[in-house]
C-alpha cells in the first residue's frame, strides 16, 4: 500500500516516491520542497523555537520522553516501515529503535545538568569579579540525515538539539523519507500542544538539502559522504553557518596476538556484515597478527557460511539500499581480486544485483580501493601483519578516522591510544554507538564536531561567558587610561611572586 503526502504547498513544484529497495514497490509520495518552501519552514521553526526554548529544561524533558514513549508504542508499525523502506530485517530495525530511544532519554535527562549556567574561578588577577558560563540554543538547527539508519541517524542529533532548546528542521535522505515522516509525526502526536515548527520535515532530494543550507539556519548537522560534506562545508562557509559533520569511515579492527580469536571473529562478522555492511562505523578492515591469522580467518569464514542477503524472514541482512552502492562494491571486489586478494568465501559470484552475500578479501593490496575507499557494503578486508606496530600504521593509513576496534586481552588500551580516530571499542565492536553518554564523531575525512553525550549537547549550544564586577579594589585596576601610581608596582610584585621563581623546564 502506498501513502500519498501530496498536498501541494507554496514552493512545491514536483514530487518524488520512496520505494522498497528490493522490489521497487512504492511506499509513499512526497513533495520536492524548493527554496521557497524550505525558507517558510525555517521561519516557522524560528518562531516555534523561541517558545520551545522558553519552556525550560523540565518541560523539554517531559516532551522528549513523551516522544520516546510514542515511538515505543508505535514500534511494530515503525520497524515494519524501516524494513520496507531500508530493507533491513525486522529484528535489526527494532535494535535501531531501542538505541534511538536510549539516546532520546539520555539527552532529555542530562540536558539540565550539562547546560545549566555554571560559575568558574575568575583567578587571582580578577579576584573582584564573578565569572560564569551559560549555554544558549542556536535557534534553528538543520539536520541532513542519511538512509542507512533511517531512525537512529536523525534522532541522535535531533534529540540533543531539541534538549538544548533549539527548533529543528529535518531533511532526511530521499531514500528514508517515510521513516522520517513517522518519527516527526510521533513527536507531534506525543506533544499536541506544541507549535509544529519545533520539529519539522523538509522533503526532497539534493536541491532541498541545498536550500536548507542556504535558508538562514543557525547551525547544521550533516551525515553523509565526504564529497557531499565538502560541498556543504563550502556553502556554510559563505554565511559562516557552523556545521558538525559525520562523513563516513573505513574503520579498522586490530586483532592482537593475545586476542580471544573466537570472540574477535564473532565481532568481525557482526561489525562487518550487519546492515549489509552499510554502517559508517562498521568494520571494513581487519589487521590480524600472523601468529593467530590462520585461526582467525578460518573462524571468520565459519561464522559467515550460510549468512546471506535477502528480503525473507530468515535472511541475515537485507539488500543494498542504493543501486549505486552495489556498483561500488562490485568495483572494489573486482579490483582487489585482480590485485591478488584471496577470497575464502568466493567473490564476484556472490554479487547478484542488490543481493550481495558476505565477501572476505584476504591480503588485498593496501593501495586498492577496497582498502582505501569506503565500500559501505558486505565486504571485509583481512590483512596479516607481523607486528602490532604494523597493524597500527596500516589502520591509520587512510584519510578516514571515524571509529576502530581492538581485540587484546592485555594491551587493548595502549593500542587504542595509538589509533587515529574519534572512537574505539576494546574487545567489542560498535559499542560506543549504544552508549548515549559517549560523544560520536571522527577526524580527517570522517568529519568534525561531535554528536551524542554531553559534547553533543554543547555542540548545539552557543557558549556565552559573563564577568561581573562585584567589588572595587582601589589602586589595583589596570584597565584605566589614568591608573593609580601604585597599580603597576603592585602587579609587578604579584607577578614576580607567582611566576619568577619557577625554573627548570624540559631539557
Protein backbone atom coordinates (compact mmCIF):
# COMPACT_ATOMS: atom_id res chain seq x y z
CA UNK A 1 0.00 0.00 0.00
CA UNK A 2 1.30 3.45 -0.91
CA UNK A 3 0.58 6.53 1.16
CA UNK A 4 0.35 9.89 -0.53
CA UNK A 5 1.74 13.04 1.04
CA UNK A 6 0.92 15.12 -1.99
CA UNK A 7 -0.75 18.29 -0.78
CA UNK A 8 0.86 20.95 -2.94
CA UNK A 9 2.33 23.76 -0.87
CA UNK A 10 3.88 27.08 -1.88
CA UNK A 11 7.31 26.39 -3.31
CA UNK A 12 6.44 22.83 -4.27
CA UNK A 13 6.60 22.06 -7.98
CA UNK A 14 7.07 18.30 -8.12
CA UNK A 15 7.03 15.08 -6.17
CA UNK A 16 9.20 12.01 -5.64
CA UNK A 17 8.43 8.49 -4.49
CA UNK A 18 10.08 6.43 -1.78
CA UNK A 19 10.33 2.80 -2.90
CA UNK A 20 11.19 -0.56 -1.40
CA UNK A 21 14.84 -1.25 -2.32
CA UNK A 22 14.44 -4.89 -3.35
CA UNK A 23 11.13 -4.86 -5.22
CA UNK A 24 10.96 -1.22 -6.23
CA UNK A 25 7.36 -1.09 -4.98
CA UNK A 26 6.32 2.44 -3.99
CA UNK A 27 5.81 3.31 -0.33
CA UNK A 28 4.84 6.96 -0.31
CA UNK A 29 4.97 10.10 -2.42
CA UNK A 30 6.42 13.35 -1.07
CA UNK A 31 6.75 16.92 -2.32
CA UNK A 32 10.11 18.16 -3.56
CA UNK A 33 10.38 21.32 -1.50
CA UNK A 34 12.29 24.15 -3.13
CA UNK A 35 13.93 27.18 -1.53
CA UNK A 36 10.63 28.99 -1.00
CA UNK A 37 9.07 26.09 0.90
CA UNK A 38 12.21 25.44 2.96
CA UNK A 39 12.58 29.10 3.87
CA UNK A 40 8.99 29.10 5.09
CA UNK A 41 9.71 26.04 7.25
CA UNK A 42 12.72 27.76 8.80
CA UNK A 43 10.70 30.90 9.51
CA UNK A 44 8.05 28.81 11.27
CA UNK A 45 10.78 26.97 13.17
CA UNK A 46 12.32 30.22 14.35
CA UNK A 47 9.06 31.41 15.88
CA UNK A 48 8.39 28.00 17.41
CA UNK A 49 11.94 27.75 18.72
CA UNK A 50 11.55 30.87 20.82
CA UNK A 51 8.61 29.28 22.61
CA UNK A 52 10.36 25.93 22.88
CA UNK A 53 13.46 27.48 24.42
CA UNK A 54 11.39 29.47 26.90
CA UNK A 55 9.60 26.47 28.41
CA UNK A 56 12.82 25.33 30.10
CA UNK A 57 14.64 22.07 30.70
CA UNK A 58 11.93 20.32 32.72
CA UNK A 59 9.22 20.80 30.12
CA UNK A 60 11.53 19.86 27.26
CA UNK A 61 12.48 16.73 29.15
CA UNK A 62 8.80 15.88 29.50
CA UNK A 63 8.18 16.40 25.78
CA UNK A 64 11.18 14.34 24.68
CA UNK A 65 10.36 11.43 26.96
CA UNK A 66 6.77 11.52 25.70
CA UNK A 67 8.20 11.30 22.16
CA UNK A 68 10.22 8.23 23.15
CA UNK A 69 7.09 6.68 24.61
CA UNK A 70 5.11 7.30 21.44
CA UNK A 71 7.86 5.78 19.28
CA UNK A 72 7.97 2.74 21.55
CA UNK A 73 4.21 2.25 21.33
CA UNK A 74 4.44 2.53 17.54
CA UNK A 75 7.33 0.06 17.34
CA UNK A 76 5.55 -2.59 15.27
CA UNK A 77 4.48 -0.21 12.51
CA UNK A 78 7.74 1.69 12.66
CA UNK A 79 10.02 -1.33 12.39
CA UNK A 80 7.90 -2.68 9.56
CA UNK A 81 8.29 0.63 7.74
CA UNK A 82 12.06 0.57 8.30
CA UNK A 83 12.12 -2.95 6.86
CA UNK A 84 10.15 -1.85 3.81
CA UNK A 85 11.98 1.39 3.08
CA UNK A 86 15.50 0.39 4.11
CA UNK A 87 15.43 -3.36 3.59
CA UNK A 88 16.92 -4.44 6.92
CA UNK A 89 15.37 -7.34 8.85
CA UNK A 90 12.69 -6.53 11.41
CA UNK A 91 14.85 -7.53 14.38
CA UNK A 92 17.67 -5.22 13.26
CA UNK A 93 15.13 -2.44 12.77
CA UNK A 94 13.94 -2.97 16.35
CA UNK A 95 17.51 -2.79 17.66
CA UNK A 96 17.88 0.53 15.85
CA UNK A 97 14.74 1.79 17.55
CA UNK A 98 15.93 0.71 21.01
CA UNK A 99 19.24 2.55 20.64
CA UNK A 100 17.44 5.64 19.35
CA UNK A 101 15.12 5.66 22.37
CA UNK A 102 18.07 5.44 24.76
CA UNK A 103 19.66 8.49 23.10
CA UNK A 104 16.44 10.50 23.39
CA UNK A 105 16.16 9.58 27.06
CA UNK A 106 19.79 10.46 27.81
CA UNK A 107 19.57 13.87 26.15
CA UNK A 108 16.28 14.62 27.90
CA UNK A 109 17.54 13.64 31.34
CA UNK A 110 21.01 15.19 31.17
CA UNK A 111 20.49 18.49 29.34
CA UNK A 112 19.91 20.49 32.52
CA UNK A 113 22.99 19.06 34.23
CA UNK A 114 25.24 19.70 31.23
CA UNK A 115 23.87 23.05 30.05
CA UNK A 116 22.93 24.87 33.24
CA UNK A 117 24.83 28.07 33.94
CA UNK A 118 27.97 27.39 35.96
CA UNK A 119 30.41 29.55 37.87
CA UNK A 120 34.13 29.41 37.23
CA UNK A 121 37.07 30.80 39.19
CA UNK A 122 37.93 34.30 37.99
CA UNK A 123 41.56 33.92 39.07
CA UNK A 124 43.71 35.98 41.40
CA UNK A 125 44.21 38.81 38.91
CA UNK A 126 40.44 39.30 38.64
CA UNK A 127 39.52 38.29 42.18
CA UNK A 128 36.97 41.09 42.44
CA UNK A 129 34.91 39.52 39.64
CA UNK A 130 32.43 36.71 39.46
CA UNK A 131 32.62 34.63 36.29
CA UNK A 132 30.09 32.28 34.81
CA UNK A 133 29.44 30.33 31.64
CA UNK A 134 26.00 29.92 30.22
CA UNK A 135 24.72 27.95 27.25
CA UNK A 136 22.09 29.26 24.88
CA UNK A 137 20.35 27.49 22.00
CA UNK A 138 21.39 28.46 18.50
CA UNK A 139 17.80 28.91 17.39
CA UNK A 140 17.10 26.75 14.35
CA UNK A 141 19.22 23.67 13.67
CA UNK A 142 19.08 21.92 10.32
CA UNK A 143 19.70 18.17 10.24
CA UNK A 144 20.54 16.41 6.98
CA UNK A 145 20.42 12.68 7.70
CA UNK A 146 21.35 9.53 5.72
CA UNK A 147 19.41 6.46 4.66
CA UNK A 148 21.39 3.63 6.26
CA UNK A 149 19.97 4.09 9.77
CA UNK A 150 16.78 5.99 8.94
CA UNK A 151 15.60 6.26 12.55
CA UNK A 152 18.70 6.38 14.72
CA UNK A 153 20.84 8.61 12.48
CA UNK A 154 18.46 11.60 12.60
CA UNK A 155 17.18 11.04 16.13
CA UNK A 156 20.61 11.30 17.77
CA UNK A 157 21.35 14.90 16.70
CA UNK A 158 17.68 15.91 16.86
CA UNK A 159 17.39 14.79 20.49
CA UNK A 160 20.47 16.78 21.52
CA UNK A 161 19.42 19.87 19.56
CA UNK A 162 15.89 19.81 20.97
CA UNK A 163 17.07 19.16 24.53
CA UNK A 164 19.35 22.19 24.23
CA UNK A 165 16.35 24.35 23.33
CA UNK A 166 16.61 24.57 19.53
CA UNK A 167 13.93 24.04 16.94
CA UNK A 168 14.91 21.51 14.27
CA UNK A 169 14.23 21.19 10.55
CA UNK A 170 14.99 17.66 9.38
CA UNK A 171 15.92 16.95 5.77
CA UNK A 172 16.16 13.14 5.50
CA UNK A 173 17.58 11.17 2.62
CA UNK A 174 15.05 10.76 -0.17
CA UNK A 175 15.52 7.02 0.44
CA UNK A 176 14.37 7.30 4.07
CA UNK A 177 11.67 9.95 3.97
CA UNK A 178 8.77 7.72 5.03
CA UNK A 179 10.54 6.75 8.26
CA UNK A 180 11.49 10.38 8.90
CA UNK A 181 7.89 11.46 8.41
CA UNK A 182 6.77 8.92 11.02
CA UNK A 183 9.33 9.99 13.62
CA UNK A 184 8.31 13.66 13.19
CA UNK A 185 4.62 12.75 13.33
CA UNK A 186 5.26 10.75 16.52
CA UNK A 187 6.78 13.84 18.18
CA UNK A 188 3.66 15.87 17.44
CA UNK A 189 1.28 13.09 18.46
CA UNK A 190 3.08 12.94 21.79
CA UNK A 191 3.04 16.74 22.18
CA UNK A 192 -0.14 18.10 20.56
CA UNK A 193 0.14 21.35 22.50
CA UNK A 194 3.47 22.33 20.93
CA UNK A 195 3.90 24.52 17.90
CA UNK A 196 4.52 22.17 14.92
CA UNK A 197 7.54 24.24 13.96
CA UNK A 198 9.53 22.83 16.90
CA UNK A 199 10.33 19.79 14.73
CA UNK A 200 9.51 19.94 11.03
CA UNK A 201 10.27 17.93 7.92
CA UNK A 202 11.80 19.20 4.68
CA UNK A 203 11.23 16.61 1.96
CA UNK A 204 13.11 16.40 -1.30
CA UNK A 205 16.41 15.50 -2.88
CA UNK A 206 19.74 17.27 -3.17
CA UNK A 207 18.20 20.60 -4.14
CA UNK A 208 16.12 20.60 -0.97
CA UNK A 209 19.19 19.95 1.14
CA UNK A 210 21.00 22.82 -0.58
CA UNK A 211 18.00 25.05 0.10
CA UNK A 212 18.14 24.15 3.80
CA UNK A 213 21.84 25.01 3.97
CA UNK A 214 21.12 28.42 2.42
CA UNK A 215 17.90 29.10 4.33
CA UNK A 216 19.34 31.06 7.25
CA UNK A 217 19.52 28.21 9.78
CA UNK A 218 21.77 28.85 12.75
CA UNK A 219 23.64 25.53 12.69
CA UNK A 220 23.72 22.42 10.53
CA UNK A 221 24.33 18.77 11.36
CA UNK A 222 25.19 16.67 8.32
CA UNK A 223 25.74 12.93 7.99
CA UNK A 224 26.77 11.66 4.58
CA UNK A 225 29.66 11.24 2.18
CA UNK A 226 32.90 13.26 2.22
CA UNK A 227 32.12 14.52 -1.29
CA UNK A 228 28.78 15.99 -0.24
CA UNK A 229 30.30 17.15 3.03
CA UNK A 230 32.86 19.27 1.18
CA UNK A 231 30.12 20.88 -0.90
CA UNK A 232 28.06 21.64 2.20
CA UNK A 233 31.12 22.90 4.08
CA UNK A 234 31.87 25.42 1.33
CA UNK A 235 28.26 26.57 1.24
CA UNK A 236 28.15 27.01 5.03
CA UNK A 237 31.42 28.96 4.93
CA UNK A 238 29.76 31.59 2.72
CA UNK A 239 27.40 32.51 5.57
CA UNK A 240 29.61 31.45 8.49
CA UNK A 241 26.99 28.85 9.40
CA UNK A 242 28.60 26.42 11.86
CA UNK A 243 28.35 22.78 10.85
CA UNK A 244 29.06 19.46 12.53
CA UNK A 245 29.80 16.69 10.05
CA UNK A 246 29.99 12.91 10.10
CA UNK A 247 31.31 11.85 6.71
CA UNK A 248 31.79 8.10 6.94
CA UNK A 249 34.72 5.88 7.75
CA UNK A 250 36.93 2.97 6.84
CA UNK A 251 37.02 1.51 10.30
CA UNK A 252 39.72 -0.96 11.25
CA UNK A 253 39.69 -3.88 13.68
CA UNK A 254 43.09 -4.74 15.16
CA UNK A 255 43.39 -8.33 16.38
CA UNK A 256 46.45 -8.76 18.59
CA UNK A 257 48.33 -12.00 19.20
CA UNK A 258 46.74 -12.35 22.66
CA UNK A 259 43.17 -11.82 21.41
CA UNK A 260 40.32 -14.21 22.04
CA UNK A 261 40.10 -15.42 18.45
CA UNK A 262 36.56 -16.75 18.69
CA UNK A 263 35.16 -13.51 20.09
CA UNK A 264 37.16 -11.44 17.62
CA UNK A 265 35.70 -13.46 14.75
CA UNK A 266 32.18 -13.02 16.11
CA UNK A 267 32.75 -9.27 16.36
CA UNK A 268 34.24 -9.00 12.87
CA UNK A 269 31.27 -10.88 11.40
CA UNK A 270 28.76 -8.64 13.15
CA UNK A 271 30.69 -5.39 12.68
CA UNK A 272 31.41 -6.07 9.03
CA UNK A 273 28.17 -7.55 7.76
CA UNK A 274 25.25 -6.40 9.90
CA UNK A 275 23.05 -4.00 7.98
CA UNK A 276 24.70 -5.35 4.84
CA UNK A 277 27.90 -3.51 5.72
CA UNK A 278 26.06 -0.21 5.28
CA UNK A 279 27.29 1.23 8.56
CA UNK A 280 29.60 4.22 8.86
CA UNK A 281 31.32 2.67 11.90
CA UNK A 282 31.12 -0.88 10.60
CA UNK A 283 34.27 -2.98 10.35
CA UNK A 284 35.68 -2.66 6.83
CA UNK A 285 39.31 -3.66 7.52
CA UNK A 286 40.88 -6.23 9.84
CA UNK A 287 44.57 -6.38 10.76
CA UNK A 288 45.40 -9.66 12.46
CA UNK A 289 48.71 -10.79 13.92
CA UNK A 290 50.36 -13.56 11.93
CA UNK A 291 50.56 -15.88 14.93
CA UNK A 292 46.76 -16.27 15.01
CA UNK A 293 45.88 -15.26 11.43
CA UNK A 294 45.10 -18.73 10.10
CA UNK A 295 42.85 -19.48 13.07
CA UNK A 296 41.10 -16.11 12.84
CA UNK A 297 40.44 -16.30 9.08
CA UNK A 298 39.05 -19.82 9.46
CA UNK A 299 36.82 -18.70 12.35
CA UNK A 300 35.54 -15.65 10.47
CA UNK A 301 34.84 -17.74 7.39
CA UNK A 302 32.97 -20.26 9.50
CA UNK A 303 30.78 -17.50 11.02
CA UNK A 304 29.74 -16.36 7.54
CA UNK A 305 28.96 -19.71 5.95
CA UNK A 306 25.22 -19.63 5.38
CA UNK A 307 24.93 -15.89 6.00
CA UNK A 308 23.12 -14.27 3.10
CA UNK A 309 21.36 -11.20 1.84
CA UNK A 310 17.65 -11.28 1.13
CA UNK A 311 14.18 -9.98 1.87
CA UNK A 312 12.65 -13.01 3.58
CA UNK A 313 12.34 -13.52 7.29
CA UNK A 314 15.38 -15.81 7.52
CA UNK A 315 17.89 -13.58 5.71
CA UNK A 316 20.96 -12.39 7.61
CA UNK A 317 20.68 -8.85 6.30
CA UNK A 318 18.73 -7.01 3.65
CA UNK A 319 19.56 -5.88 0.13
CA UNK A 320 21.76 -2.93 -0.72
CA UNK A 321 19.58 0.14 -0.37
CA UNK A 322 21.13 2.00 -3.30
CA UNK A 323 21.94 0.56 -6.70
CA UNK A 324 24.90 2.93 -6.97
CA UNK A 325 26.38 1.41 -3.81
CA UNK A 326 26.19 -2.01 -5.43
CA UNK A 327 28.37 -0.72 -8.24
CA UNK A 328 30.99 0.44 -5.71
CA UNK A 329 31.04 -2.98 -4.04
CA UNK A 330 31.46 -4.67 -7.41
CA UNK A 331 34.37 -2.40 -8.38
CA UNK A 332 36.17 -2.78 -5.04
CA UNK A 333 35.91 -6.57 -5.05
CA UNK A 334 36.84 -6.87 -8.71
CA UNK A 335 39.98 -4.75 -8.35
CA UNK A 336 41.02 -6.45 -5.11
CA UNK A 337 40.75 -9.92 -6.70
CA UNK A 338 42.62 -8.75 -9.77
CA UNK A 339 45.34 -7.48 -7.44
CA UNK A 340 45.79 -10.87 -5.80
CA UNK A 341 43.37 -10.88 -2.84
CA UNK A 342 42.30 -14.31 -1.64
CA UNK A 343 38.57 -14.95 -1.26
CA UNK A 344 37.80 -17.87 1.10
CA UNK A 345 34.04 -17.47 0.62
CA UNK A 346 34.10 -16.55 -3.07
CA UNK A 347 33.91 -13.21 -4.81
CA UNK A 348 32.08 -11.93 -7.88
CA UNK A 349 29.63 -14.81 -7.97
CA UNK A 350 28.28 -13.65 -4.59
CA UNK A 351 27.06 -10.37 -6.10
CA UNK A 352 23.54 -10.67 -7.52
CA UNK A 353 22.32 -7.14 -8.11
CA UNK A 354 21.41 -5.61 -4.75
CA UNK A 355 21.62 -9.01 -3.05
CA UNK A 356 25.27 -9.44 -2.04
CA UNK A 357 26.38 -12.31 0.18
CA UNK A 358 29.38 -11.85 2.52
CA UNK A 359 32.79 -11.44 0.86
CA UNK A 360 36.15 -11.69 2.64
CA UNK A 361 39.22 -10.27 0.88
CA UNK A 362 42.45 -11.60 2.41
CA UNK A 363 45.70 -9.68 1.92
CA UNK A 364 44.32 -7.23 -0.63
CA UNK A 365 46.74 -4.57 -1.85
CA UNK A 366 46.73 -1.79 0.76
CA UNK A 367 46.55 0.79 -2.02
CA UNK A 368 43.46 -0.77 -3.59
CA UNK A 369 40.04 0.92 -3.40
CA UNK A 370 38.79 -1.96 -1.23
CA UNK A 371 41.21 -0.81 1.47
CA UNK A 372 41.43 2.95 0.93
CA UNK A 373 37.86 3.91 0.00
CA UNK A 374 34.65 3.46 1.98
CA UNK A 375 32.95 0.39 0.49
CA UNK A 376 29.73 0.56 2.52
CA UNK A 377 28.78 -2.98 1.62
CA UNK A 378 29.11 -6.58 2.87
CA UNK A 379 32.86 -6.96 2.35
CA UNK A 380 35.75 -7.05 4.80
CA UNK A 381 39.46 -6.97 4.02
CA UNK A 382 41.75 -9.05 6.26
CA UNK A 383 45.47 -8.26 6.33
CA UNK A 384 48.01 -10.48 8.07
CA UNK A 385 50.61 -8.37 9.90
CA UNK A 386 53.93 -9.18 11.55
CA UNK A 387 53.52 -6.82 14.49
CA UNK A 388 51.02 -4.61 16.26
CA UNK A 389 53.10 -1.62 15.19
CA UNK A 390 52.47 -2.58 11.57
CA UNK A 391 48.76 -3.04 12.30
CA UNK A 392 48.52 0.42 13.86
CA UNK A 393 50.37 2.07 10.99
CA UNK A 394 48.10 0.43 8.43
CA UNK A 395 44.94 1.13 10.46
CA UNK A 396 45.92 4.80 10.48
CA UNK A 397 46.79 4.71 6.79
CA UNK A 398 43.59 6.06 5.22
CA UNK A 399 42.19 9.60 5.11
CA UNK A 400 39.34 8.49 7.38
CA UNK A 401 39.30 8.39 11.16
CA UNK A 402 35.83 7.64 12.49
CA UNK A 403 35.82 4.52 14.69
CA UNK A 404 38.02 1.50 15.34
CA UNK A 405 38.11 -1.71 17.37
CA UNK A 406 40.80 -3.65 19.21
CA UNK A 407 40.85 -7.22 20.46
CA UNK A 408 43.57 -7.92 23.01
CA UNK A 409 43.49 -9.49 26.45
CA UNK A 410 46.31 -7.34 27.88
CA UNK A 411 47.04 -4.39 25.58
CA UNK A 412 43.70 -3.09 24.37
CA UNK A 413 44.05 0.38 25.87
CA UNK A 414 47.64 1.07 24.69
CA UNK A 415 46.68 0.01 21.16
CA UNK A 416 43.51 2.12 21.28
CA UNK A 417 45.57 5.12 22.35
CA UNK A 418 47.64 4.92 19.16
CA UNK A 419 44.73 4.72 16.72
CA UNK A 420 43.84 7.93 14.88
CA UNK A 421 40.06 8.06 15.20
CA UNK A 422 37.25 9.52 17.22
CA UNK A 423 36.02 6.34 18.93
CA UNK A 424 37.39 2.92 19.85
CA UNK A 425 35.75 -0.26 21.13
CA UNK A 426 38.03 -2.64 23.06
CA UNK A 427 37.13 -6.34 22.88
CA UNK A 428 33.90 -5.43 21.08
CA UNK A 429 32.76 -3.53 18.00
CA UNK A 430 30.43 -0.52 17.64
CA UNK A 431 29.74 -0.49 21.39
CA UNK A 432 30.32 3.27 21.64
CA UNK A 433 27.24 3.86 19.45
CA UNK A 434 24.95 2.30 22.06
CA UNK A 435 26.35 4.29 24.99
CA UNK A 436 24.49 7.62 24.88
CA UNK A 437 26.98 9.39 27.16
CA UNK A 438 29.85 8.86 24.70
CA UNK A 439 30.39 11.53 22.04
CA UNK A 440 30.31 10.40 18.42
CA UNK A 441 32.44 11.82 15.62
CA UNK A 442 35.67 11.46 13.72
CA UNK A 443 38.81 13.12 12.43
CA UNK A 444 40.20 13.74 8.95
CA UNK A 445 37.87 12.85 6.09
CA UNK A 446 35.39 11.43 8.63
CA UNK A 447 34.34 14.94 9.59
CA UNK A 448 34.46 17.23 12.61
CA UNK A 449 32.43 18.08 15.69
CA UNK A 450 30.57 15.67 17.93
CA UNK A 451 27.05 14.44 18.50
CA UNK A 452 25.81 12.29 21.42
CA UNK A 453 26.68 12.76 25.06
CA UNK A 454 27.50 15.98 26.86
CA UNK A 455 29.67 17.11 23.96
CA UNK A 456 26.67 16.71 21.67
CA UNK A 457 24.50 18.89 23.89
CA UNK A 458 27.19 21.56 24.00
CA UNK A 459 27.62 21.24 20.21
CA UNK A 460 24.09 22.56 19.75
CA UNK A 461 24.51 25.43 22.21
CA UNK A 462 26.21 28.81 21.96
CA UNK A 463 28.65 29.34 24.81
CA UNK A 464 28.40 32.75 26.46
CA UNK A 465 30.94 34.00 29.02
CA UNK A 466 29.85 36.58 31.57
CA UNK A 467 32.03 38.50 34.04
CA UNK A 468 30.53 40.66 36.80
CA UNK A 469 32.48 43.07 38.98
CA UNK A 470 31.13 42.88 42.50
CA UNK A 471 33.68 44.95 44.44
CA UNK A 472 36.23 47.64 43.71
CA UNK A 473 39.90 47.10 44.60
CA UNK A 474 41.25 50.63 44.93
CA UNK A 475 44.57 51.13 43.20
CA UNK A 476 44.61 47.68 41.55
CA UNK A 477 42.52 48.37 38.46
CA UNK A 478 44.85 48.20 35.48
CA UNK A 479 42.07 48.72 32.95
CA UNK A 480 42.06 52.51 33.16
CA UNK A 481 43.65 55.19 31.00
CA UNK A 482 44.67 57.02 34.19
CA UNK A 483 45.87 54.29 36.51
CA UNK A 484 46.82 54.90 40.10
CA UNK A 485 50.56 55.20 40.68
CA UNK A 486 50.58 52.04 42.81
CA UNK A 487 48.87 49.80 40.21
CA UNK A 488 51.79 48.64 38.06
CA UNK A 489 54.25 48.21 41.02
CA UNK A 490 51.62 46.09 42.77
CA UNK A 491 51.08 43.98 39.64
CA UNK A 492 54.83 43.51 39.25
CA UNK A 493 55.15 42.30 42.82
CA UNK A 494 52.22 39.93 42.37
CA UNK A 495 53.57 38.56 39.07
CA UNK A 496 57.11 38.04 40.40
CA UNK A 497 55.72 36.21 43.38
CA UNK A 498 53.65 33.90 41.22
CA UNK A 499 55.98 33.16 38.33
CA UNK A 500 59.59 34.39 38.56
CA UNK A 501 60.78 31.72 40.99
CA UNK A 502 59.80 28.92 38.64
CA UNK A 503 62.84 27.34 36.95
CA UNK A 504 63.90 24.07 35.37
CA UNK A 505 61.77 23.33 32.33
CA UNK A 506 62.21 20.41 29.94
CA UNK A 507 65.85 19.95 28.86
